[in-house]
Amino acid sequence: MNNILLTLLIGIFAGVIDIAPMIKMKLDKYACISAFIFYFTMPFIIFNLDILNNIWWIKGGIICFILELPVLVLVAKEDKKGMIPIAIMSIVLGTLIGVVGHYLSLM
């Protein structure tokens, strides 16, 4: 299967996983769209960034968390309790993206 198509599928899957609880909680549609786009593009960044290759199993989680920091600052302004679930989801989904990419030889 083409690497770009596989990366797109991983991004779609990660985006859907992230926005499913958001839709259930009836959050703002722009927040859901923003989260989906973030996780849709994240596999492209994780798979093509050539750092932390010696710790491939956590590379995705670290990169995803670092790129999520500006969102955490914005969320902290409105809802301090929302920061922790966002940070945890970022680390978990980023790690899953990285691990899947490693085992599918996309990294």
N, C-alpha and C. Protein backbone atom coordinates (compact mmCIF):
# COMPACT_ATOMS: atom_id res chain seq x y z
N MET A 1 0.85 -1.18 0.00
CA MET A 1 0.00 0.00 0.00
C MET A 1 0.89 1.24 0.00
N ASN A 2 0.47 2.26 -0.68
CA ASN A 2 1.21 3.50 -0.79
C ASN A 2 1.40 4.12 0.61
N ASN A 3 2.63 4.61 0.88
CA ASN A 3 2.91 5.20 2.19
C ASN A 3 2.05 6.41 2.50
N ILE A 4 1.79 7.24 1.50
CA ILE A 4 0.97 8.43 1.73
C ILE A 4 -0.47 8.03 2.07
N LEU A 5 -1.00 7.06 1.35
CA LEU A 5 -2.36 6.59 1.64
C LEU A 5 -2.45 5.98 3.03
N LEU A 6 -1.45 5.21 3.40
CA LEU A 6 -1.42 4.60 4.74
C LEU A 6 -1.31 5.68 5.82
N THR A 7 -0.50 6.69 5.57
CA THR A 7 -0.37 7.80 6.52
C THR A 7 -1.69 8.55 6.64
N LEU A 8 -2.38 8.76 5.53
CA LEU A 8 -3.70 9.40 5.57
C LEU A 8 -4.70 8.58 6.39
N LEU A 9 -4.70 7.27 6.19
CA LEU A 9 -5.61 6.41 6.94
C LEU A 9 -5.32 6.44 8.44
N ILE A 10 -4.04 6.44 8.80
CA ILE A 10 -3.67 6.53 10.22
C ILE A 10 -4.13 7.86 10.79
N GLY A 11 -3.96 8.94 10.02
CA GLY A 11 -4.41 10.26 10.47
C GLY A 11 -5.91 10.34 10.65
N ILE A 12 -6.65 9.76 9.71
CA ILE A 12 -8.11 9.75 9.83
C ILE A 12 -8.54 8.96 11.06
N PHE A 13 -7.93 7.81 11.25
CA PHE A 13 -8.26 6.96 12.40
C PHE A 13 -7.96 7.69 13.72
N ALA A 14 -6.79 8.32 13.82
CA ALA A 14 -6.43 9.05 15.03
C ALA A 14 -7.37 10.23 15.26
N GLY A 15 -7.73 10.93 14.19
CA GLY A 15 -8.65 12.06 14.31
C GLY A 15 -10.01 11.63 14.80
N VAL A 16 -10.51 10.53 14.28
CA VAL A 16 -11.82 10.04 14.71
C VAL A 16 -11.79 9.60 16.17
N ILE A 17 -10.70 8.95 16.57
CA ILE A 17 -10.57 8.53 17.98
C ILE A 17 -10.60 9.75 18.90
N ASP A 18 -9.94 10.84 18.48
CA ASP A 18 -9.88 12.02 19.33
C ASP A 18 -11.21 12.77 19.38
N ILE A 19 -11.91 12.87 18.26
CA ILE A 19 -13.13 13.69 18.28
C ILE A 19 -14.37 12.94 18.74
N ALA A 20 -14.31 11.62 18.82
CA ALA A 20 -15.49 10.86 19.24
C ALA A 20 -16.00 11.31 20.62
N PRO A 21 -15.13 11.41 21.64
CA PRO A 21 -15.64 11.89 22.94
C PRO A 21 -16.07 13.35 22.88
N MET A 22 -15.43 14.13 22.02
CA MET A 22 -15.80 15.54 21.91
C MET A 22 -17.21 15.70 21.34
N ILE A 23 -17.53 14.88 20.34
CA ILE A 23 -18.87 14.92 19.76
C ILE A 23 -19.90 14.44 20.78
N LYS A 24 -19.55 13.40 21.54
CA LYS A 24 -20.46 12.88 22.56
C LYS A 24 -20.76 13.94 23.63
N MET A 25 -19.75 14.77 23.96
CA MET A 25 -19.94 15.82 24.95
C MET A 25 -20.54 17.09 24.34
N LYS A 26 -20.82 17.04 23.03
CA LYS A 26 -21.43 18.16 22.31
C LYS A 26 -20.59 19.43 22.40
N LEU A 27 -19.29 19.28 22.17
CA LEU A 27 -18.41 20.45 22.15
C LEU A 27 -18.58 21.20 20.84
N ASP A 28 -18.05 22.40 20.82
CA ASP A 28 -18.12 23.28 19.66
C ASP A 28 -17.59 22.58 18.40
N LYS A 29 -18.29 22.76 17.29
CA LYS A 29 -17.89 22.07 16.06
C LYS A 29 -16.52 22.53 15.58
N TYR A 30 -16.16 23.78 15.85
CA TYR A 30 -14.84 24.26 15.44
C TYR A 30 -13.73 23.61 16.26
N ALA A 31 -14.00 23.33 17.51
CA ALA A 31 -13.02 22.61 18.34
C ALA A 31 -12.84 21.19 17.82
N CYS A 32 -13.93 20.55 17.41
CA CYS A 32 -13.85 19.19 16.86
C CYS A 32 -13.10 19.19 15.54
N ILE A 33 -13.39 20.14 14.68
CA ILE A 33 -12.70 20.22 13.39
C ILE A 33 -11.21 20.49 13.60
N SER A 34 -10.89 21.38 14.52
CA SER A 34 -9.49 21.70 14.82
C SER A 34 -8.74 20.47 15.34
N ALA A 35 -9.37 19.72 16.24
CA ALA A 35 -8.73 18.51 16.79
C ALA A 35 -8.55 17.46 15.70
N PHE A 36 -9.55 17.31 14.83
CA PHE A 36 -9.43 16.33 13.76
C PHE A 36 -8.28 16.69 12.82
N ILE A 37 -8.18 17.96 12.44
CA ILE A 37 -7.10 18.39 11.55
C ILE A 37 -5.75 18.18 12.22
N PHE A 38 -5.65 18.46 13.51
CA PHE A 38 -4.39 18.26 14.23
C PHE A 38 -3.94 16.81 14.13
N TYR A 39 -4.83 15.88 14.44
CA TYR A 39 -4.44 14.46 14.42
C TYR A 39 -4.39 13.89 13.01
N PHE A 40 -5.08 14.51 12.06
CA PHE A 40 -4.99 14.09 10.68
C PHE A 40 -3.60 14.40 10.11
N THR A 41 -3.03 15.54 10.50
CA THR A 41 -1.71 15.93 9.99
C THR A 41 -0.55 15.37 10.82
N MET A 42 -0.83 14.97 12.04
CA MET A 42 0.24 14.52 12.94
C MET A 42 1.06 13.34 12.40
N PRO A 43 0.48 12.32 11.77
CA PRO A 43 1.32 11.24 11.25
C PRO A 43 2.35 11.71 10.23
N PHE A 44 2.01 12.69 9.41
CA PHE A 44 2.97 13.21 8.44
C PHE A 44 4.18 13.81 9.15
N ILE A 45 3.94 14.53 10.23
CA ILE A 45 5.03 15.16 10.97
C ILE A 45 5.85 14.10 11.71
N ILE A 46 5.18 13.20 12.40
CA ILE A 46 5.88 12.18 13.19
C ILE A 46 6.72 11.28 12.29
N PHE A 47 6.17 10.84 11.17
CA PHE A 47 6.87 9.90 10.30
C PHE A 47 8.02 10.54 9.54
N ASN A 48 7.97 11.85 9.33
CA ASN A 48 8.98 12.51 8.51
C ASN A 48 9.98 13.33 9.30
N LEU A 49 9.80 13.45 10.60
CA LEU A 49 10.74 14.17 11.43
C LEU A 49 11.85 13.22 11.84
N ASP A 50 13.07 13.61 11.59
CA ASP A 50 14.20 12.71 11.78
C ASP A 50 14.92 12.98 13.11
N ILE A 51 14.16 12.99 14.19
CA ILE A 51 14.75 13.10 15.52
C ILE A 51 14.16 12.01 16.40
N LEU A 52 14.82 11.72 17.46
CA LEU A 52 14.37 10.74 18.45
C LEU A 52 14.16 9.35 17.86
N ASN A 53 14.86 9.01 16.81
CA ASN A 53 14.68 7.70 16.19
C ASN A 53 15.15 6.56 17.08
N ASN A 54 16.06 6.84 18.00
CA ASN A 54 16.53 5.77 18.88
C ASN A 54 15.52 5.42 19.97
N ILE A 55 14.55 6.30 20.20
CA ILE A 55 13.45 5.97 21.13
C ILE A 55 12.13 6.03 20.36
N TRP A 56 12.03 5.23 19.31
CA TRP A 56 10.89 5.25 18.39
C TRP A 56 9.56 5.03 19.09
N TRP A 57 9.55 4.28 20.18
CA TRP A 57 8.31 3.92 20.84
C TRP A 57 7.64 5.11 21.52
N ILE A 58 8.38 6.18 21.83
CA ILE A 58 7.79 7.36 22.48
C ILE A 58 7.93 8.62 21.62
N LYS A 59 8.58 8.47 20.46
CA LYS A 59 8.80 9.61 19.57
C LYS A 59 7.49 10.33 19.25
N GLY A 60 6.48 9.61 18.86
CA GLY A 60 5.20 10.22 18.50
C GLY A 60 4.56 10.96 19.66
N GLY A 61 4.63 10.38 20.85
CA GLY A 61 4.04 11.02 22.03
C GLY A 61 4.72 12.32 22.38
N ILE A 62 6.04 12.35 22.27
CA ILE A 62 6.80 13.56 22.60
C ILE A 62 6.49 14.66 21.58
N ILE A 63 6.55 14.31 20.30
CA ILE A 63 6.31 15.31 19.25
C ILE A 63 4.88 15.83 19.33
N CYS A 64 3.94 14.95 19.51
CA CYS A 64 2.53 15.35 19.58
C CYS A 64 2.28 16.25 20.79
N PHE A 65 2.86 15.92 21.93
CA PHE A 65 2.69 16.73 23.13
C PHE A 65 3.30 18.12 22.94
N ILE A 66 4.48 18.18 22.36
CA ILE A 66 5.14 19.48 22.15
C ILE A 66 4.31 20.36 21.22
N LEU A 67 3.78 19.77 20.17
CA LEU A 67 2.97 20.55 19.23
C LEU A 67 1.59 20.90 19.79
N GLU A 68 1.17 20.21 20.82
CA GLU A 68 -0.12 20.49 21.46
C GLU A 68 -0.01 21.58 22.52
N LEU A 69 1.19 21.97 22.91
CA LEU A 69 1.36 22.96 23.98
C LEU A 69 0.63 24.29 23.73
N PRO A 70 0.66 24.86 22.52
CA PRO A 70 -0.11 26.10 22.32
C PRO A 70 -1.61 25.92 22.57
N VAL A 71 -2.15 24.78 22.21
CA VAL A 71 -3.57 24.51 22.45
C VAL A 71 -3.83 24.43 23.95
N LEU A 72 -2.91 23.81 24.67
CA LEU A 72 -3.08 23.71 26.12
C LEU A 72 -3.10 25.09 26.78
N VAL A 73 -2.31 26.00 26.27
CA VAL A 73 -2.31 27.36 26.81
C VAL A 73 -3.67 28.02 26.56
N LEU A 74 -4.22 27.85 25.37
CA LEU A 74 -5.53 28.43 25.06
C LEU A 74 -6.64 27.79 25.91
N VAL A 75 -6.57 26.50 26.11
CA VAL A 75 -7.58 25.80 26.90
C VAL A 75 -7.49 26.23 28.36
N ALA A 76 -6.28 26.46 28.85
CA ALA A 76 -6.09 26.85 30.25
C ALA A 76 -6.80 28.16 30.57
N LYS A 77 -6.92 29.02 29.57
CA LYS A 77 -7.60 30.30 29.77
C LYS A 77 -9.08 30.10 30.10
N GLU A 78 -9.71 29.13 29.47
CA GLU A 78 -11.14 28.90 29.64
C GLU A 78 -11.48 27.82 30.66
N ASP A 79 -10.73 26.72 30.64
CA ASP A 79 -11.09 25.56 31.45
C ASP A 79 -9.83 24.82 31.87
N LYS A 80 -9.39 25.06 33.08
CA LYS A 80 -8.15 24.43 33.56
C LYS A 80 -8.26 22.91 33.68
N LYS A 81 -9.47 22.40 33.94
CA LYS A 81 -9.64 20.95 34.06
C LYS A 81 -9.53 20.24 32.71
N GLY A 82 -9.73 20.95 31.63
CA GLY A 82 -9.64 20.35 30.31
C GLY A 82 -8.22 20.10 29.84
N MET A 83 -7.26 20.72 30.50
CA MET A 83 -5.86 20.57 30.08
C MET A 83 -5.35 19.14 30.23
N ILE A 84 -5.67 18.50 31.32
CA ILE A 84 -5.12 17.17 31.59
C ILE A 84 -5.63 16.13 30.59
N PRO A 85 -6.93 16.06 30.31
CA PRO A 85 -7.37 15.08 29.30
C PRO A 85 -6.77 15.34 27.92
N ILE A 86 -6.63 16.61 27.56
CA ILE A 86 -6.04 16.93 26.26
C ILE A 86 -4.59 16.49 26.22
N ALA A 87 -3.84 16.76 27.27
CA ALA A 87 -2.42 16.37 27.31
C ALA A 87 -2.28 14.85 27.27
N ILE A 88 -3.10 14.16 28.03
CA ILE A 88 -3.02 12.69 28.05
C ILE A 88 -3.38 12.11 26.69
N MET A 89 -4.45 12.62 26.08
CA MET A 89 -4.85 12.13 24.77
C MET A 89 -3.77 12.41 23.74
N SER A 90 -3.12 13.55 23.85
CA SER A 90 -2.05 13.90 22.93
C SER A 90 -0.89 12.92 23.03
N ILE A 91 -0.48 12.61 24.24
CA ILE A 91 0.63 11.67 24.44
C ILE A 91 0.25 10.27 23.99
N VAL A 92 -0.94 9.83 24.36
CA VAL A 92 -1.38 8.47 24.00
C VAL A 92 -1.55 8.31 22.49
N LEU A 93 -2.29 9.22 21.86
CA LEU A 93 -2.49 9.10 20.41
C LEU A 93 -1.20 9.30 19.64
N GLY A 94 -0.36 10.22 20.08
CA GLY A 94 0.94 10.41 19.43
C GLY A 94 1.80 9.16 19.52
N THR A 95 1.81 8.53 20.69
CA THR A 95 2.57 7.30 20.85
C THR A 95 2.01 6.19 19.97
N LEU A 96 0.68 6.08 19.92
CA LEU A 96 0.06 5.06 19.06
C LEU A 96 0.39 5.30 17.58
N ILE A 97 0.36 6.56 17.16
CA ILE A 97 0.71 6.87 15.77
C ILE A 97 2.15 6.46 15.50
N GLY A 98 3.05 6.79 16.42
CA GLY A 98 4.45 6.43 16.24
C GLY A 98 4.70 4.94 16.22
N VAL A 99 4.05 4.21 17.10
CA VAL A 99 4.23 2.76 17.17
C VAL A 99 3.68 2.08 15.91
N VAL A 100 2.49 2.52 15.47
CA VAL A 100 1.91 1.96 14.25
C VAL A 100 2.81 2.26 13.06
N GLY A 101 3.30 3.50 12.99
CA GLY A 101 4.21 3.85 11.90
C GLY A 101 5.49 3.05 11.92
N HIS A 102 6.01 2.78 13.10
CA HIS A 102 7.23 1.97 13.21
C HIS A 102 6.99 0.55 12.71
N TYR A 103 5.91 -0.06 13.16
CA TYR A 103 5.65 -1.44 12.76
C TYR A 103 5.19 -1.58 11.31
N LEU A 104 4.69 -0.49 10.73
CA LEU A 104 4.34 -0.53 9.31
C LEU A 104 5.49 0.02 8.45
N SER A 105 6.63 0.28 9.09
CA SER A 105 7.85 0.76 8.43
C SER A 105 7.63 2.07 7.68
N LEU A 106 6.91 3.00 8.30
CA LEU A 106 6.70 4.30 7.69
C LEU A 106 7.68 5.34 8.23
N MET A 107 8.40 5.00 9.30
CA MET A 107 9.31 5.96 9.92
C MET A 107 10.73 5.70 9.45
